[in-house]
Amino acid sequence: MAFPIDVYPADEVKLIEKAYASEHNSDCYDLMLKAGKSVYEAIAEYAPSAKDVWIFCGKGNNGGDGYVLAKMLLESGVSHRVFAIDNPHPQTEAEIAFENYIKAGGHIEYDLPNKGLLPNDGIVEYTAPSVIVDALLGTGIESAPAGVYAKWIMYINQLHSYVFSVDIPSGVVADTGYVPGACIRADITVCMLALKPGLLTGDAVDYTGKILFSSLGVNTQDYASVIDKDLTKYSLPIQNISYEGVKCNLPVRYKSFNKGDSGKVLIIAGAKGMGGAAIICASAALRAGAGLAKVALDDTNISPMLANRPELMSVDLNNEEELVRAIKWADVIAVGPGLGVNERTYKILDYISNLEDTPVIYDADALNVLSTFEQNYYNENRVITPHLGEAARLLGCSIDDLSQDRLAGAYKLWQKYGGVVLLKGAGTIICDGQSFSIIREGSPALATGGSGDLLTGIIVSLLGQGLSLKDASVTAACIHGKAATVYAREHGIIGTLPMDLLSNIQGLINGKL
């Protein structure tokens, strides 16, 4: 089934399940049957030649899904083994599934199948299976798996079998994507009922593999009334957004348009020795459709920039009178890439922070300077684009604190600074105080210097073409991530440079990729 747009934290999923149960004989066992069937169908599609399947079950409902699957494998004649941490919690749907499997002739093993706990601890007594199903831990964990759970997770990872995780890889915190300790590395994650935010952002993206979604026949929007955002973990709705979801935001250029109709963009960037940041940012702005782009940069960088991109206009960053005129000329401003943390940057930010009608994107060194301001933090007419290190400085906390809950971090940034917050990283998060958007586009090809400058250029271009702060940020992030994915698919991830992506940015802004 296609990905849903709406994303639900674990406490909201529990409310949906409780409401569903009240309408269906006070239990959700039929959902468990559908969940097990979803995993069975995923194995049939993605590992059709599997000759043996090992299922590892915990004590909760995640394990119950595993027992339903085991019964289906048993009835289909598929060779399998079931390993259980312990018997399910009594008087639960999981216990019903366990008992039904036993009654059908199933067998449960409570010890791992070798003399030592891990394969390298002793003589291995088995041939690793072709498929493993992880049904150990569900969405309830908040800390690192401990004891036998941690040991079994380590064991599974060392088998190097093809792994399907039920709902979420065991060890991932479902709400945040934080991985605090041992964690299953899945090849396929079959997410059930509702999409969880932790599958889409943070450390979890290294563990989920390909994500499949099964609604179990439930339309979660039918249960919106049972969710009180004032009482749940996140006070804002969460959506996941891909490039396909932002095509409606792509700018339209009518036949009558001239360059002035497509936005006058000013980029304040590129101190001495950092001209590349300005060139990358401005090039992206042009390829994303800016009608006029002017760059204020150190005069030593002007000739190299014009040799590379003659379509750009230039302003000497050190000429205060010229810079003020350029600021007044611009419809929208981006400030920060390669600008440096110095007295000049402080003066520039102090001046543009008082602009009332011109939206400003703060990136890179503009964020580093902003983090030192003692007052006047809040501004509704700007976008800030921090990575985790910059975000930690802006909030006065540690990177580790932020990485444990990126959604909460983005919300705190919005509370303090206003406007739109774009928190970069795997599963970029955008918050405008009304909702969260998790961007489902991206590639490790972007893990190179200058990628953030590229993103800033796309945002400022879309703002100049009339998109709102939120739409420009979300659309730009999707184009940025998709451009890298498309390029890396053909050329490879390693060695991809920001300027390599310009042609794909142009294709995507025109809806042609």
Protein backbone atom coordinates (compact mmCIF):
# COMPACT_ATOMS: atom_id res chain seq x y z
CA MET A 1 0.00 0.00 0.00
CA ALA A 2 1.20 3.53 -0.76
CA PHE A 3 2.59 5.61 2.06
CA PRO A 4 0.02 7.69 3.94
CA ILE A 5 0.71 11.38 4.47
CA ASP A 6 -0.29 11.49 8.13
CA VAL A 7 2.17 10.28 10.76
CA TYR A 8 1.21 9.24 14.30
CA PRO A 9 3.34 8.98 17.46
CA ALA A 10 2.94 5.88 19.61
CA ASP A 11 0.55 7.45 22.14
CA GLU A 12 -1.80 8.48 19.34
CA VAL A 13 -1.67 5.00 17.80
CA LYS A 14 -2.73 3.56 21.17
CA LEU A 15 -5.71 5.91 21.26
CA ILE A 16 -6.70 4.79 17.76
CA GLU A 17 -6.35 1.12 18.75
CA LYS A 18 -8.42 1.70 21.89
CA ALA A 19 -11.19 3.39 19.89
CA TYR A 20 -11.08 0.63 17.29
CA ALA A 21 -11.30 -2.04 19.99
CA SER A 22 -14.37 -0.39 21.52
CA GLU A 23 -16.09 -0.84 18.16
CA HIS A 24 -14.89 -4.43 17.62
CA ASN A 25 -15.67 -6.72 20.57
CA SER A 26 -13.22 -4.92 22.87
CA ASP A 27 -10.09 -6.28 21.20
CA CYS A 28 -7.85 -5.80 18.20
CA TYR A 29 -7.15 -9.45 17.43
CA ASP A 30 -8.44 -9.06 13.88
CA LEU A 31 -5.79 -6.37 13.38
CA MET A 32 -3.15 -8.79 14.63
CA LEU A 33 -4.31 -11.36 12.09
CA LYS A 34 -4.03 -8.76 9.34
CA ALA A 35 -0.60 -7.69 10.58
CA GLY A 36 0.75 -11.22 10.45
CA LYS A 37 -0.71 -11.63 6.97
CA SER A 38 0.99 -8.40 5.86
CA VAL A 39 4.38 -9.75 6.88
CA TYR A 40 3.61 -13.09 5.20
CA GLU A 41 2.77 -11.27 1.96
CA ALA A 42 5.92 -9.13 2.24
CA ILE A 43 8.07 -12.25 2.52
CA ALA A 44 6.29 -13.79 -0.46
CA GLU A 45 7.02 -10.66 -2.52
CA TYR A 46 10.55 -9.74 -1.41
CA ALA A 47 11.97 -13.16 -0.51
CA PRO A 48 9.94 -15.59 -2.63
CA SER A 49 12.67 -18.22 -2.72
CA ALA A 50 13.05 -18.35 1.07
CA LYS A 51 13.30 -21.98 2.17
CA ASP A 52 13.49 -21.38 5.90
CA VAL A 53 12.23 -18.58 8.12
CA TRP A 54 13.19 -17.92 11.73
CA ILE A 55 10.83 -15.77 13.79
CA PHE A 56 11.99 -14.11 17.00
CA CYS A 57 9.11 -13.14 19.28
CA GLY A 58 8.91 -10.87 22.29
CA LYS A 59 6.24 -10.92 24.97
CA GLY A 60 4.05 -8.13 23.59
CA ASN A 61 1.77 -7.65 20.63
CA ASN A 62 4.75 -7.39 18.29
CA GLY A 63 5.46 -11.02 19.21
CA GLY A 64 1.79 -11.80 18.66
CA ASP A 65 2.11 -10.68 15.05
CA GLY A 66 5.04 -13.09 14.81
CA TYR A 67 2.92 -16.02 16.06
CA VAL A 68 0.20 -15.23 13.50
CA LEU A 69 2.86 -15.29 10.79
CA ALA A 70 4.26 -18.56 12.13
CA LYS A 71 0.85 -20.21 11.95
CA MET A 72 0.47 -19.10 8.33
CA LEU A 73 3.91 -20.50 7.48
CA LEU A 74 3.02 -23.75 9.24
CA GLU A 75 -0.21 -24.07 7.30
CA SER A 76 1.63 -23.26 4.05
CA GLY A 77 4.28 -25.90 4.67
CA VAL A 78 7.14 -23.39 4.85
CA SER A 79 10.08 -24.53 6.98
CA HIS A 80 10.36 -22.25 9.99
CA ARG A 81 11.44 -22.00 13.62
CA VAL A 82 10.01 -19.77 16.33
CA PHE A 83 12.20 -18.44 19.15
CA ALA A 84 10.53 -16.69 22.07
CA ILE A 85 12.05 -14.56 24.82
CA ASP A 86 9.22 -15.80 27.05
CA ASN A 87 5.53 -16.58 26.81
CA PRO A 88 3.28 -13.63 25.93
CA HIS A 89 1.74 -11.41 28.55
CA PRO A 90 -1.41 -13.16 29.85
CA GLN A 91 -4.88 -12.22 28.66
CA THR A 92 -3.64 -10.37 25.59
CA GLU A 93 -4.13 -10.73 21.87
CA ALA A 94 -0.54 -11.97 21.72
CA GLU A 95 -1.42 -14.85 24.06
CA ILE A 96 -4.33 -15.79 21.80
CA ALA A 97 -2.03 -15.85 18.77
CA PHE A 98 0.53 -17.93 20.71
CA GLU A 99 -2.07 -20.49 21.77
CA ASN A 100 -3.52 -20.74 18.26
CA TYR A 101 -0.08 -21.46 16.86
CA ILE A 102 0.54 -24.17 19.47
CA LYS A 103 -2.87 -25.73 18.82
CA ALA A 104 -2.09 -25.87 15.11
CA GLY A 105 0.99 -27.97 15.88
CA GLY A 106 3.57 -25.24 16.21
CA HIS A 107 6.68 -25.52 18.35
CA ILE A 108 8.37 -22.79 20.40
CA GLU A 109 12.09 -22.64 21.27
CA TYR A 110 13.28 -20.52 24.17
CA ASP A 111 17.03 -20.78 23.65
CA LEU A 112 19.15 -19.63 20.77
CA PRO A 113 20.32 -22.50 18.57
CA ASN A 114 24.04 -22.68 19.34
CA LYS A 115 26.28 -23.59 22.25
CA GLY A 116 27.38 -20.01 22.81
CA LEU A 117 25.05 -17.04 22.93
CA LEU A 118 26.49 -15.46 19.80
CA PRO A 119 27.83 -17.23 16.69
CA ASN A 120 31.45 -16.48 17.59
CA ASP A 121 31.02 -17.73 21.17
CA GLY A 122 31.08 -21.41 20.37
CA ILE A 123 30.48 -24.11 17.81
CA VAL A 124 27.59 -23.07 15.58
CA GLU A 125 24.96 -25.79 15.35
CA TYR A 126 22.94 -24.48 12.44
CA THR A 127 22.98 -23.00 8.98
CA ALA A 128 21.74 -19.43 9.10
CA PRO A 129 18.22 -19.11 7.67
CA SER A 130 17.47 -17.26 4.48
CA VAL A 131 14.90 -15.04 6.24
CA ILE A 132 14.58 -13.75 9.79
CA VAL A 133 11.52 -12.00 11.18
CA ASP A 134 12.11 -9.55 14.01
CA ALA A 135 9.01 -9.49 16.24
CA LEU A 136 10.86 -8.77 19.49
CA LEU A 137 10.03 -5.20 20.47
CA GLY A 138 7.35 -2.87 19.23
CA THR A 139 6.74 0.84 19.60
CA GLY A 140 6.91 1.06 23.37
CA ILE A 141 10.64 1.41 24.06
CA GLU A 142 12.22 4.68 25.19
CA SER A 143 15.67 3.42 26.15
CA ALA A 144 18.27 0.94 24.95
CA PRO A 145 17.20 -2.73 24.95
CA ALA A 146 18.79 -4.53 27.88
CA GLY A 147 19.51 -8.07 29.00
CA VAL A 148 18.26 -10.88 26.83
CA TYR A 149 16.67 -8.50 24.32
CA ALA A 150 20.01 -6.82 23.60
CA LYS A 151 21.72 -10.22 23.28
CA TRP A 152 19.12 -11.56 20.88
CA ILE A 153 19.34 -8.42 18.75
CA MET A 154 23.13 -8.80 18.54
CA TYR A 155 22.66 -12.45 17.63
CA ILE A 156 20.24 -11.69 14.80
CA ASN A 157 22.48 -9.01 13.32
CA GLN A 158 25.41 -11.43 13.17
CA LEU A 159 23.48 -14.02 11.15
CA HIS A 160 23.49 -11.83 8.02
CA SER A 161 20.13 -13.21 6.92
CA TYR A 162 17.49 -11.16 5.10
CA VAL A 163 15.56 -9.47 7.91
CA PHE A 164 11.94 -8.36 8.08
CA SER A 165 11.00 -6.22 11.07
CA VAL A 166 7.40 -6.17 12.26
CA ASP A 167 6.15 -2.57 12.56
CA ILE A 168 9.54 -1.13 13.58
CA PRO A 169 13.08 -2.51 13.96
CA SER A 170 13.60 -3.61 17.57
CA GLY A 171 15.73 -0.95 19.21
CA VAL A 172 14.34 2.10 17.39
CA VAL A 173 12.40 4.62 19.48
CA ALA A 174 9.17 4.86 17.51
CA ASP A 175 8.45 8.54 18.11
CA THR A 176 11.89 9.96 17.46
CA GLY A 177 14.02 7.63 15.35
CA TYR A 178 16.64 7.65 18.10
CA VAL A 179 18.66 4.44 18.45
CA PRO A 180 19.99 4.37 22.01
CA GLY A 181 21.67 0.94 21.90
CA ALA A 182 21.43 -2.45 20.22
CA CYS A 183 19.11 -2.37 17.22
CA ILE A 184 18.00 -4.75 14.49
CA ARG A 185 19.26 -3.85 11.02
CA ALA A 186 16.27 -4.68 8.86
CA ASP A 187 16.14 -5.09 5.12
CA ILE A 188 12.37 -4.60 5.15
CA THR A 189 10.20 -2.94 7.79
CA VAL A 190 6.48 -3.65 7.53
CA CYS A 191 4.81 -0.75 9.32
CA MET A 192 1.29 -1.45 10.58
CA LEU A 193 -1.85 0.63 10.99
CA ALA A 194 -0.18 4.07 11.16
CA LEU A 195 3.13 5.49 10.03
CA LYS A 196 5.40 6.26 12.98
CA PRO A 197 7.70 9.31 12.92
CA GLY A 198 10.69 7.34 14.18
CA LEU A 199 10.81 5.37 10.94
CA LEU A 200 11.44 8.51 8.91
CA THR A 201 14.08 10.55 10.70
CA GLY A 202 17.23 10.41 12.76
CA ASP A 203 19.43 7.36 13.32
CA ALA A 204 16.60 4.99 12.40
CA VAL A 205 17.07 5.49 8.66
CA ASP A 206 20.18 3.29 8.90
CA TYR A 207 18.12 0.44 10.39
CA THR A 208 14.71 0.40 8.70
CA GLY A 209 15.69 -0.75 5.22
CA LYS A 210 12.80 -0.46 2.77
CA ILE A 211 9.59 0.58 4.53
CA LEU A 212 6.33 -1.06 3.53
CA PHE A 213 3.03 0.15 4.91
CA SER A 214 -0.14 -1.75 5.72
CA SER A 215 -3.19 0.12 6.99
CA LEU A 216 -4.74 -3.18 8.22
CA GLY A 217 -7.94 -1.92 6.64
CA VAL A 218 -8.23 1.00 9.04
CA ASN A 219 -8.58 4.62 7.98
CA THR A 220 -6.83 6.42 10.83
CA GLN A 221 -8.44 9.72 9.87
CA ASP A 222 -11.77 8.25 10.98
CA TYR A 223 -10.38 8.35 14.53
CA ALA A 224 -9.11 11.94 14.52
CA SER A 225 -11.66 12.91 17.15
CA VAL A 226 -10.10 10.58 19.75
CA ILE A 227 -6.74 12.37 19.58
CA ASP A 228 -6.41 15.41 21.83
CA LYS A 229 -3.18 17.10 20.80
CA ASP A 230 -3.04 18.91 24.14
CA LEU A 231 -2.65 15.55 25.88
CA THR A 232 -0.37 13.72 23.45
CA LYS A 233 3.39 13.91 23.05
CA TYR A 234 3.52 16.30 20.12
CA SER A 235 1.11 19.22 20.06
CA LEU A 236 1.22 19.55 16.26
CA PRO A 237 0.11 17.21 13.47
CA ILE A 238 2.91 15.42 11.59
CA GLN A 239 3.04 14.68 7.89
CA ASN A 240 5.62 13.04 5.68
CA ILE A 241 6.22 14.77 2.38
CA SER A 242 7.88 13.58 -0.83
CA TYR A 243 8.57 15.32 -4.12
CA GLU A 244 5.31 13.97 -5.54
CA GLY A 245 3.50 15.74 -2.73
CA VAL A 246 4.93 19.17 -3.56
CA LYS A 247 4.46 19.20 -7.33
CA CYS A 248 1.38 21.35 -6.77
CA ASN A 249 3.70 24.03 -5.29
CA LEU A 250 6.02 24.24 -8.29
CA PRO A 251 6.07 27.77 -9.70
CA VAL A 252 4.22 28.52 -12.91
CA ARG A 253 5.75 30.89 -15.45
CA TYR A 254 3.18 32.47 -17.75
CA LYS A 255 3.96 33.59 -21.29
CA SER A 256 3.79 37.23 -20.27
CA PHE A 257 6.39 36.91 -17.50
CA ASN A 258 9.58 38.94 -17.50
CA LYS A 259 12.59 38.59 -15.20
CA GLY A 260 11.08 40.90 -12.61
CA ASP A 261 8.04 38.67 -12.23
CA SER A 262 10.15 35.74 -11.05
CA GLY A 263 11.69 37.35 -8.00
CA LYS A 264 14.60 39.60 -7.11
CA VAL A 265 16.89 37.56 -4.91
CA LEU A 266 19.79 38.84 -2.83
CA ILE A 267 22.32 36.41 -1.39
CA ILE A 268 24.70 37.79 1.25
CA ALA A 269 27.52 35.28 1.42
CA GLY A 270 31.09 34.49 0.50
CA ALA A 271 33.71 36.13 2.69
CA LYS A 272 37.31 36.09 1.52
CA GLY A 273 38.34 32.51 0.87
CA MET A 274 34.70 31.30 0.95
CA GLY A 275 33.46 32.38 -2.45
CA GLY A 276 32.39 28.86 -3.33
CA ALA A 277 29.51 28.98 -0.87
CA ALA A 278 28.14 32.08 -2.58
CA ILE A 279 28.53 30.58 -6.07
CA ILE A 280 26.79 27.32 -5.11
CA CYS A 281 23.92 29.12 -3.40
CA ALA A 282 23.39 31.61 -6.22
CA SER A 283 23.66 28.95 -8.94
CA ALA A 284 20.93 26.93 -7.22
CA ALA A 285 18.74 30.03 -6.99
CA LEU A 286 19.04 30.55 -10.75
CA ARG A 287 18.41 26.90 -11.63
CA ALA A 288 15.37 26.92 -9.33
CA GLY A 289 13.93 29.80 -11.33
CA ALA A 290 14.94 33.13 -9.75
CA GLY A 291 14.39 35.91 -12.25
CA LEU A 292 17.18 38.14 -10.94
CA ALA A 293 19.91 37.09 -8.54
CA LYS A 294 22.36 39.47 -6.93
CA VAL A 295 25.19 38.34 -4.66
CA ALA A 296 26.88 40.47 -2.01
CA LEU A 297 30.32 38.92 -1.47
CA ASP A 298 33.90 39.86 -0.78
CA ASP A 299 35.40 41.70 -3.74
CA THR A 300 38.13 39.05 -4.09
CA ASN A 301 35.40 36.56 -5.04
CA ILE A 302 33.57 38.67 -7.61
CA SER A 303 35.70 37.82 -10.66
CA PRO A 304 35.76 34.05 -9.97
CA MET A 305 31.97 34.08 -9.48
CA LEU A 306 31.28 35.94 -12.72
CA ALA A 307 33.67 33.68 -14.62
CA ASN A 308 31.67 30.70 -13.35
CA ARG A 309 28.19 32.22 -13.53
CA PRO A 310 27.98 35.41 -15.63
CA GLU A 311 24.18 35.57 -15.17
CA LEU A 312 24.70 36.81 -11.60
CA MET A 313 24.94 40.39 -10.43
CA SER A 314 27.49 41.30 -7.77
CA VAL A 315 27.83 43.70 -4.87
CA ASP A 316 30.96 44.35 -2.83
CA LEU A 317 30.19 43.01 0.63
CA ASN A 318 32.52 45.57 2.18
CA ASN A 319 30.74 48.55 0.63
CA GLU A 320 28.05 49.35 3.16
CA GLU A 321 26.22 51.83 0.92
CA GLU A 322 26.01 49.36 -1.97
CA LEU A 323 24.88 46.59 0.38
CA VAL A 324 22.06 48.68 1.84
CA ARG A 325 20.83 49.54 -1.68
CA ALA A 326 20.86 45.85 -2.60
CA ILE A 327 18.91 44.95 0.52
CA LYS A 328 16.25 47.52 -0.34
CA TRP A 329 16.14 46.23 -3.93
CA ALA A 330 15.53 42.60 -3.01
CA ASP A 331 12.20 40.82 -2.72
CA VAL A 332 13.84 38.13 -0.57
CA ILE A 333 17.24 37.66 1.07
CA ALA A 334 19.42 34.71 2.01
CA VAL A 335 22.26 35.39 4.41
CA GLY A 336 25.08 33.34 5.87
CA PRO A 337 26.81 30.84 3.55
CA GLY A 338 30.54 31.35 3.91
CA LEU A 339 29.96 34.76 5.50
CA GLY A 340 32.17 34.30 8.54
CA VAL A 341 31.55 35.09 12.20
CA ASN A 342 32.82 38.65 12.55
CA GLU A 343 31.78 42.20 13.27
CA ARG A 344 30.54 42.71 9.71
CA THR A 345 28.16 39.78 9.95
CA TYR A 346 26.83 41.10 13.25
CA LYS A 347 26.13 44.48 11.64
CA ILE A 348 24.40 42.87 8.65
CA LEU A 349 22.14 40.74 10.83
CA ASP A 350 21.36 43.67 13.09
CA TYR A 351 20.23 45.64 10.04
CA ILE A 352 18.17 42.96 8.29
CA SER A 353 16.52 41.81 11.53
CA ASN A 354 14.58 45.08 11.47
CA LEU A 355 13.17 44.50 7.97
CA GLU A 356 9.39 44.18 8.15
CA ASP A 357 8.35 43.11 4.66
CA THR A 358 11.33 41.20 3.28
CA PRO A 359 11.58 37.50 4.17
CA VAL A 360 15.08 36.33 5.08
CA ILE A 361 16.66 32.87 5.10
CA TYR A 362 19.31 32.45 7.79
CA ASP A 363 21.92 29.79 7.10
CA ALA A 364 25.43 28.80 8.20
CA ASP A 365 27.33 31.71 9.80
CA ALA A 366 24.16 33.79 10.08
CA LEU A 367 22.89 31.08 12.44
CA ASN A 368 26.14 31.03 14.37
CA VAL A 369 25.88 34.77 14.93
CA LEU A 370 22.15 34.58 15.69
CA SER A 371 22.91 32.04 18.43
CA THR A 372 24.89 34.73 20.30
CA PHE A 373 22.13 37.35 20.27
CA GLU A 374 20.78 38.06 23.73
CA GLN A 375 17.37 39.32 22.61
CA ASN A 376 15.11 39.88 19.59
CA TYR A 377 15.15 36.19 18.75
CA TYR A 378 11.62 35.86 17.42
CA ASN A 379 10.75 36.83 13.84
CA GLU A 380 7.79 35.47 11.92
CA ASN A 381 9.15 36.47 8.51
CA ARG A 382 12.21 34.26 8.26
CA VAL A 383 13.44 30.72 7.68
CA ILE A 384 16.29 29.24 9.69
CA THR A 385 18.07 26.17 8.29
CA PRO A 386 20.32 24.66 10.98
CA HIS A 387 22.00 21.29 11.02
CA LEU A 388 22.20 19.60 14.43
CA GLY A 389 25.38 21.42 15.49
CA GLU A 390 23.96 24.83 14.65
CA ALA A 391 20.62 23.93 16.23
CA ALA A 392 22.39 22.93 19.45
CA ARG A 393 24.12 26.31 19.56
CA LEU A 394 20.84 28.12 18.88
CA LEU A 395 19.14 26.30 21.77
CA GLY A 396 22.13 26.16 24.11
CA CYS A 397 22.00 22.37 24.41
CA SER A 398 24.06 19.39 23.28
CA ILE A 399 23.85 17.68 19.90
CA ASP A 400 23.04 14.42 21.68
CA ASP A 401 20.08 16.05 23.43
CA LEU A 402 18.73 17.20 20.09
CA SER A 403 19.33 13.92 18.28
CA GLN A 404 17.23 12.06 20.87
CA ASP A 405 14.12 13.94 19.71
CA ARG A 406 14.51 15.97 16.52
CA LEU A 407 10.79 16.83 16.37
CA ALA A 408 10.87 18.35 19.84
CA GLY A 409 14.06 20.19 18.93
CA ALA A 410 12.50 21.71 15.81
CA TYR A 411 9.51 22.84 17.86
CA LYS A 412 11.73 24.47 20.49
CA LEU A 413 13.60 26.30 17.75
CA TRP A 414 10.31 27.58 16.35
CA GLN A 415 9.17 28.70 19.81
CA LYS A 416 12.36 30.69 20.26
CA TYR A 417 12.99 32.02 16.75
CA GLY A 418 9.62 31.95 14.97
CA GLY A 419 9.01 31.80 11.24
CA VAL A 420 9.86 28.43 9.73
CA VAL A 421 12.48 26.03 11.09
CA LEU A 422 14.16 23.60 8.73
CA LEU A 423 16.20 21.15 10.81
CA LYS A 424 18.55 19.40 8.42
CA GLY A 425 19.62 15.78 8.53
CA ALA A 426 18.32 12.38 7.56
CA GLY A 427 14.59 12.92 7.55
CA THR A 428 14.72 16.72 7.50
CA ILE A 429 12.07 18.23 9.78
CA ILE A 430 10.25 21.48 9.02
CA CYS A 431 8.11 23.25 11.62
CA ASP A 432 6.10 26.46 11.29
CA GLY A 433 4.23 26.25 14.58
CA GLN A 434 1.19 24.77 12.85
CA SER A 435 2.50 21.37 11.80
CA PHE A 436 5.58 19.23 11.34
CA SER A 437 6.70 18.04 7.92
CA ILE A 438 9.19 15.18 7.66
CA ILE A 439 10.90 15.17 4.26
CA ARG A 440 11.03 11.71 2.72
CA GLU A 441 13.60 12.66 0.11
CA GLY A 442 17.35 12.65 0.52
CA SER A 443 20.59 10.80 -0.04
CA PRO A 444 23.95 10.39 1.69
CA ALA A 445 25.31 11.94 -1.52
CA LEU A 446 24.45 15.24 0.19
CA ALA A 447 27.00 14.56 2.93
CA THR A 448 29.53 16.96 1.44
CA GLY A 449 30.42 20.61 1.91
CA GLY A 450 28.20 23.02 0.00
CA SER A 451 25.02 20.92 0.02
CA GLY A 452 23.40 23.25 2.54
CA ASP A 453 24.31 26.28 0.39
CA LEU A 454 22.51 24.58 -2.49
CA LEU A 455 19.37 24.13 -0.39
CA THR A 456 19.41 27.76 0.73
CA GLY A 457 19.58 28.86 -2.90
CA ILE A 458 16.50 26.80 -3.79
CA ILE A 459 14.53 28.15 -0.83
CA VAL A 460 15.31 31.80 -1.57
CA SER A 461 14.44 31.27 -5.24
CA LEU A 462 11.04 29.75 -4.45
CA LEU A 463 10.29 32.52 -1.97
CA GLY A 464 11.10 35.06 -4.66
CA GLN A 465 8.66 33.29 -6.98
CA GLY A 466 5.82 33.74 -4.54
CA LEU A 467 5.69 30.62 -2.37
CA SER A 468 5.02 31.02 1.34
CA LEU A 469 7.79 30.46 3.89
CA LYS A 470 6.51 26.97 4.69
CA ASP A 471 5.78 25.90 1.12
CA ALA A 472 9.12 27.21 -0.14
CA SER A 473 10.99 25.35 2.60
CA VAL A 474 9.16 22.05 2.14
CA THR A 475 9.29 22.18 -1.65
CA ALA A 476 12.97 23.13 -1.70
CA ALA A 477 13.89 20.32 0.71
CA CYS A 478 12.07 17.77 -1.46
CA ILE A 479 13.72 19.02 -4.65
CA HIS A 480 17.14 19.09 -2.95
CA GLY A 481 16.83 15.53 -1.67
CA LYS A 482 15.30 14.13 -4.85
CA ALA A 483 17.98 15.76 -7.03
CA ALA A 484 20.68 13.97 -5.03
CA THR A 485 18.87 10.63 -5.17
CA VAL A 486 18.40 10.80 -8.94
CA TYR A 487 22.01 11.83 -9.58
CA ALA A 488 23.49 9.23 -7.22
CA ARG A 489 21.41 6.48 -8.80
CA GLU A 490 23.28 7.02 -12.06
CA HIS A 491 26.70 8.19 -10.89
CA GLY A 492 27.07 6.81 -7.36
CA ILE A 493 26.74 8.32 -3.91
CA ILE A 494 30.39 8.93 -3.09
CA GLY A 495 31.99 11.88 -4.85
CA THR A 496 28.75 13.67 -5.77
CA LEU A 497 29.26 17.44 -5.62
CA PRO A 498 26.60 20.09 -5.02
CA MET A 499 27.11 21.67 -8.44
CA ASP A 500 26.52 18.24 -10.02
CA LEU A 501 22.88 18.53 -8.96
CA LEU A 502 22.02 21.76 -10.77
CA SER A 503 20.61 20.10 -13.89
CA ASN A 504 18.43 17.82 -11.78
CA ILE A 505 17.21 20.81 -9.77
CA GLN A 506 16.16 22.44 -13.04
CA GLY A 507 14.42 19.25 -14.13
CA LEU A 508 12.56 18.87 -10.87
CA ILE A 509 11.49 22.52 -10.68
CA ASN A 510 9.93 21.97 -14.11
CA GLY A 511 8.31 18.69 -13.03
CA LYS A 512 10.32 16.67 -15.54
CA LEU A 513 12.14 14.07 -13.39
